[in-house]
Protein backbone atom coordinates (compact mmCIF):
# COMPACT_ATOMS: atom_id res chain seq x y z
CA MET A 1 -0.82 -161.20 111.25
CA ALA A 2 -0.94 -158.06 109.26
CA VAL A 3 -0.31 -158.06 105.85
CA PHE A 4 1.99 -155.60 104.20
CA ALA A 5 2.01 -154.98 100.34
CA TYR A 6 5.12 -153.58 98.78
CA LEU A 7 4.78 -152.09 95.29
CA ARG A 8 7.74 -150.23 93.41
CA VAL A 9 8.68 -148.49 90.33
CA SER A 10 11.85 -146.86 89.11
CA THR A 11 10.28 -143.63 87.67
CA GLN A 12 7.09 -141.55 87.47
CA LEU A 13 6.47 -143.12 83.89
CA GLN A 14 5.92 -146.72 85.10
CA THR A 15 2.62 -147.85 86.60
CA ILE A 16 2.21 -149.73 89.81
CA GLU A 17 -1.43 -150.93 88.66
CA SER A 18 -0.28 -154.28 87.44
CA GLN A 19 1.66 -155.24 90.74
CA ARG A 20 -1.43 -154.01 92.58
CA TYR A 21 -3.57 -156.43 90.54
CA GLU A 22 -1.43 -159.31 91.28
CA ILE A 23 -1.00 -159.01 94.95
CA GLY A 24 -5.01 -158.55 95.32
CA LYS A 25 -5.46 -161.63 93.26
CA TRP A 26 -3.06 -163.66 95.20
CA CYS A 27 -4.07 -162.36 98.71
CA SER A 28 -7.87 -163.26 97.55
CA GLN A 29 -6.36 -166.50 96.91
CA LYS A 30 -5.02 -167.01 99.85
CA GLY A 31 -7.77 -165.54 101.95
CA LEU A 32 -5.75 -162.81 102.87
CA ARG A 33 -6.41 -159.19 103.16
CA VAL A 34 -4.08 -156.31 102.63
CA ASP A 35 -3.79 -153.88 105.29
CA VAL A 36 -1.27 -151.78 104.19
CA TRP A 37 -0.38 -150.84 100.81
CA VAL A 38 3.30 -149.29 100.51
CA ASN A 39 3.97 -147.66 97.05
CA GLU A 40 6.79 -145.77 95.93
CA SER A 41 8.32 -144.48 92.88
CA ILE A 42 12.29 -144.71 93.35
CA SER A 43 15.33 -146.58 92.12
CA GLY A 44 15.91 -150.10 93.52
CA THR A 45 19.67 -148.82 94.05
CA VAL A 46 18.49 -146.56 96.89
CA ALA A 47 19.23 -148.12 100.35
CA TRP A 48 16.13 -149.73 101.23
CA ASP A 49 16.26 -148.38 104.74
CA LYS A 50 16.05 -144.65 103.34
CA ARG A 51 13.03 -145.93 101.41
CA LYS A 52 9.30 -146.39 102.44
CA LEU A 53 10.25 -149.85 102.56
CA GLY A 54 12.47 -149.44 105.31
CA LYS A 55 9.96 -147.29 107.09
CA ALA A 56 7.32 -150.43 106.45
CA ILE A 57 9.81 -152.94 107.90
CA ARG A 58 10.57 -150.81 111.21
CA LYS A 59 6.68 -150.85 111.77
CA MET A 60 6.21 -154.38 111.09
CA LYS A 61 6.05 -156.82 113.82
CA SER A 62 6.63 -160.75 114.28
CA GLY A 63 4.30 -162.59 112.52
CA ASP A 64 3.53 -160.21 109.98
CA LEU A 65 3.70 -160.74 105.95
CA LEU A 66 5.52 -158.34 103.40
CA VAL A 67 4.13 -159.29 100.02
CA CYS A 68 5.72 -158.40 96.60
CA THR A 69 5.50 -159.22 92.86
CA GLU A 70 9.13 -160.45 92.62
CA ILE A 71 12.28 -160.29 94.44
CA SER A 72 13.64 -157.26 92.32
CA ARG A 73 10.88 -155.14 93.83
CA LEU A 74 12.72 -154.96 97.22
CA GLY A 75 16.43 -154.32 95.91
CA ARG A 76 18.38 -154.26 92.57
CA ASN A 77 21.68 -156.29 94.06
CA MET A 78 22.19 -159.54 96.12
CA LEU A 79 23.59 -157.52 98.77
CA MET A 80 20.59 -155.47 99.43
CA ILE A 81 18.25 -158.17 99.22
CA MET A 82 20.24 -160.02 101.65
CA SER A 83 20.23 -157.06 104.03
CA ILE A 84 16.23 -156.98 103.93
CA LEU A 85 16.20 -160.75 104.40
CA ASN A 86 18.46 -160.71 107.41
CA GLU A 87 16.41 -157.79 108.88
CA CYS A 88 13.30 -159.40 108.23
CA SER A 89 14.36 -162.73 109.74
CA ALA A 90 15.61 -161.14 112.98
CA LYS A 91 12.13 -159.69 113.47
CA GLY A 92 10.29 -162.74 112.54
CA ILE A 93 8.64 -160.91 109.59
CA MET A 94 7.65 -163.54 106.44
CA ILE A 95 8.12 -162.30 102.85
CA HIS A 96 6.33 -163.84 100.01
CA THR A 97 7.48 -163.13 96.40
CA ILE A 98 4.50 -163.84 93.73
CA LYS A 99 6.24 -164.30 90.50
CA ASP A 100 9.15 -166.17 91.96
CA ASN A 101 6.62 -168.42 93.94
CA PHE A 102 8.37 -169.27 96.78
CA ASP A 103 8.04 -167.95 100.58
CA LEU A 104 11.02 -166.24 102.29
CA SER A 105 10.86 -167.18 105.87
CA ASP A 106 13.49 -167.61 108.83
CA SER A 107 14.47 -171.04 107.22
CA ILE A 108 17.93 -171.81 106.05
CA ASN A 109 16.27 -172.99 102.46
CA SER A 110 14.57 -169.69 102.02
CA LYS A 111 17.86 -167.93 102.48
CA ILE A 112 19.50 -170.05 100.00
CA ILE A 113 17.19 -169.69 97.65
CA ALA A 114 16.80 -165.96 97.76
CA PHE A 115 20.35 -165.86 97.57
CA ALA A 116 20.38 -167.54 94.24
CA PHE A 117 17.68 -165.45 92.72
CA ALA A 118 19.38 -162.21 93.74
CA LEU A 119 22.50 -163.21 92.35
CA ALA A 120 21.05 -164.26 89.23
CA SER A 121 19.12 -161.10 88.99
CA GLU A 122 22.33 -159.21 89.35
CA ILE A 123 24.34 -161.38 87.04
CA GLU A 124 21.62 -160.72 84.46
CA ARG A 125 21.55 -157.06 84.98
CA ASN A 126 25.25 -156.74 84.27
CA LEU A 127 25.01 -158.96 81.19
CA ILE A 128 22.36 -156.46 79.95
CA SER A 129 24.61 -153.41 80.81
CA GLN A 130 27.59 -155.00 78.93
CA ARG A 131 25.95 -155.96 75.99
CA THR A 132 24.77 -152.38 75.77
CA LYS A 133 28.15 -151.10 76.01
CA GLU A 134 29.44 -153.29 73.51
CA ALA A 135 26.37 -152.58 71.00
CA LEU A 136 27.41 -148.56 71.35
CA ALA A 137 30.98 -149.29 71.04
CA ALA A 138 30.44 -151.37 67.72
CA LYS A 139 28.22 -148.41 66.58
CA LYS A 140 30.94 -145.90 67.21
CA MET A 141 33.24 -148.15 65.46
CA ALA A 142 31.26 -148.45 62.57
CA GLY A 143 31.19 -144.50 62.31
CA ILE A 144 27.79 -144.13 63.58
CA LYS A 145 27.37 -140.86 65.51
CA LEU A 146 25.52 -141.35 68.38
CA GLY A 147 23.40 -138.80 70.31
CA ARG A 148 21.22 -136.20 69.06
CA PRO A 149 22.29 -135.21 65.81
CA ARG A 150 23.88 -131.59 65.34
CA GLY A 151 21.45 -128.95 64.60
CA GLN A 152 18.31 -130.23 65.85
CA SER A 153 17.98 -128.01 68.56
CA LEU A 154 15.12 -125.65 68.30
CA LYS A 155 17.34 -122.87 69.49
CA VAL A 156 19.81 -123.86 66.82
CA SER A 157 17.55 -123.42 64.11
CA ARG A 158 16.02 -120.50 65.25
CA MET A 159 19.70 -119.15 64.93
CA MET A 160 20.02 -120.57 61.54
CA ALA A 161 16.80 -118.97 60.48
CA GLU A 162 18.21 -115.66 61.82
CA ILE A 163 21.55 -116.20 60.40
CA ASP A 164 21.80 -112.78 58.63
CA LYS A 165 20.77 -110.90 61.90
CA VAL A 166 23.82 -112.93 63.43
CA ARG A 167 26.15 -111.54 61.10
CA ALA A 168 24.92 -108.27 61.53
CA TYR A 169 25.59 -108.44 65.07
CA LEU A 170 28.88 -109.48 64.71
CA ALA A 171 29.70 -107.03 62.11
CA GLN A 172 28.52 -104.17 64.51
CA GLY A 173 30.99 -105.12 66.96
CA GLU A 174 29.04 -107.69 69.19
CA SER A 175 30.96 -110.49 70.46
CA ILE A 176 30.23 -114.06 69.67
CA LYS A 177 29.22 -114.81 73.33
CA SER A 178 26.89 -111.83 73.51
CA VAL A 179 25.03 -113.21 70.26
CA ALA A 180 25.07 -116.47 71.20
CA GLN A 181 23.48 -115.57 74.62
CA ARG A 182 20.68 -114.04 72.60
CA TYR A 183 19.47 -117.46 70.99
CA GLY A 184 20.36 -119.55 74.42
CA ILE A 185 23.26 -121.63 72.64
CA HIS A 186 26.90 -121.79 73.52
CA ARG A 187 29.25 -119.61 71.81
CA ASN A 188 31.53 -122.87 70.83
CA THR A 189 28.33 -123.86 69.07
CA LEU A 190 27.68 -120.44 67.14
CA SER A 191 31.44 -120.38 66.45
CA GLN A 192 31.29 -123.94 64.66
CA TYR A 193 28.34 -123.07 62.79
CA LEU A 194 29.91 -120.00 61.56
CA LYS A 195 33.31 -121.64 60.60
CA SER A 196 31.33 -124.66 58.98
CA MET A 197 29.20 -122.25 56.79
CA LYS A 198 32.77 -120.21 55.71
CA ASP A 199 34.23 -123.74 54.70
CA ASP A 200 31.04 -124.42 52.63
């Protein structure tokens, strides 16, 4: 039996070290040795067969074991996880997830449990997304401006610091578009600042 360890993070800013530690510790307790470490930094929404995970599963044989820290490392939605389980089941590959603390084998009980975990994970993500949208909508209704405050751009700051030069360029007949390009900003941005200064 070959043991494959799968570690995945969503971005380059995250680290796989905690996953590596947990898998190493679990394998040591079970008297197992990891034969292949599969690491990747990619969103779990990407089709599993397009990831390193898919390549690893294609290499695995009947009786091999795939270990990961939790079921969400395999995929980010219920259908994807069930697809992975079905593929592994057809090949006789076993899966163990550490934090969830159960084995995913060819038994119907394992498939039911995996289905429940995957469904719960997807519902939780949808709820988080919905709460985020509701919080943003509430801020907007309260009059709180979202996004970067106007004028925070370094390019805009440089333009404002040289506003006399900007007016001189325009007085000499240079177009707003041309002047805006000098400072690397959009002509509409320059127009808005010039208008607001007139209004003041």
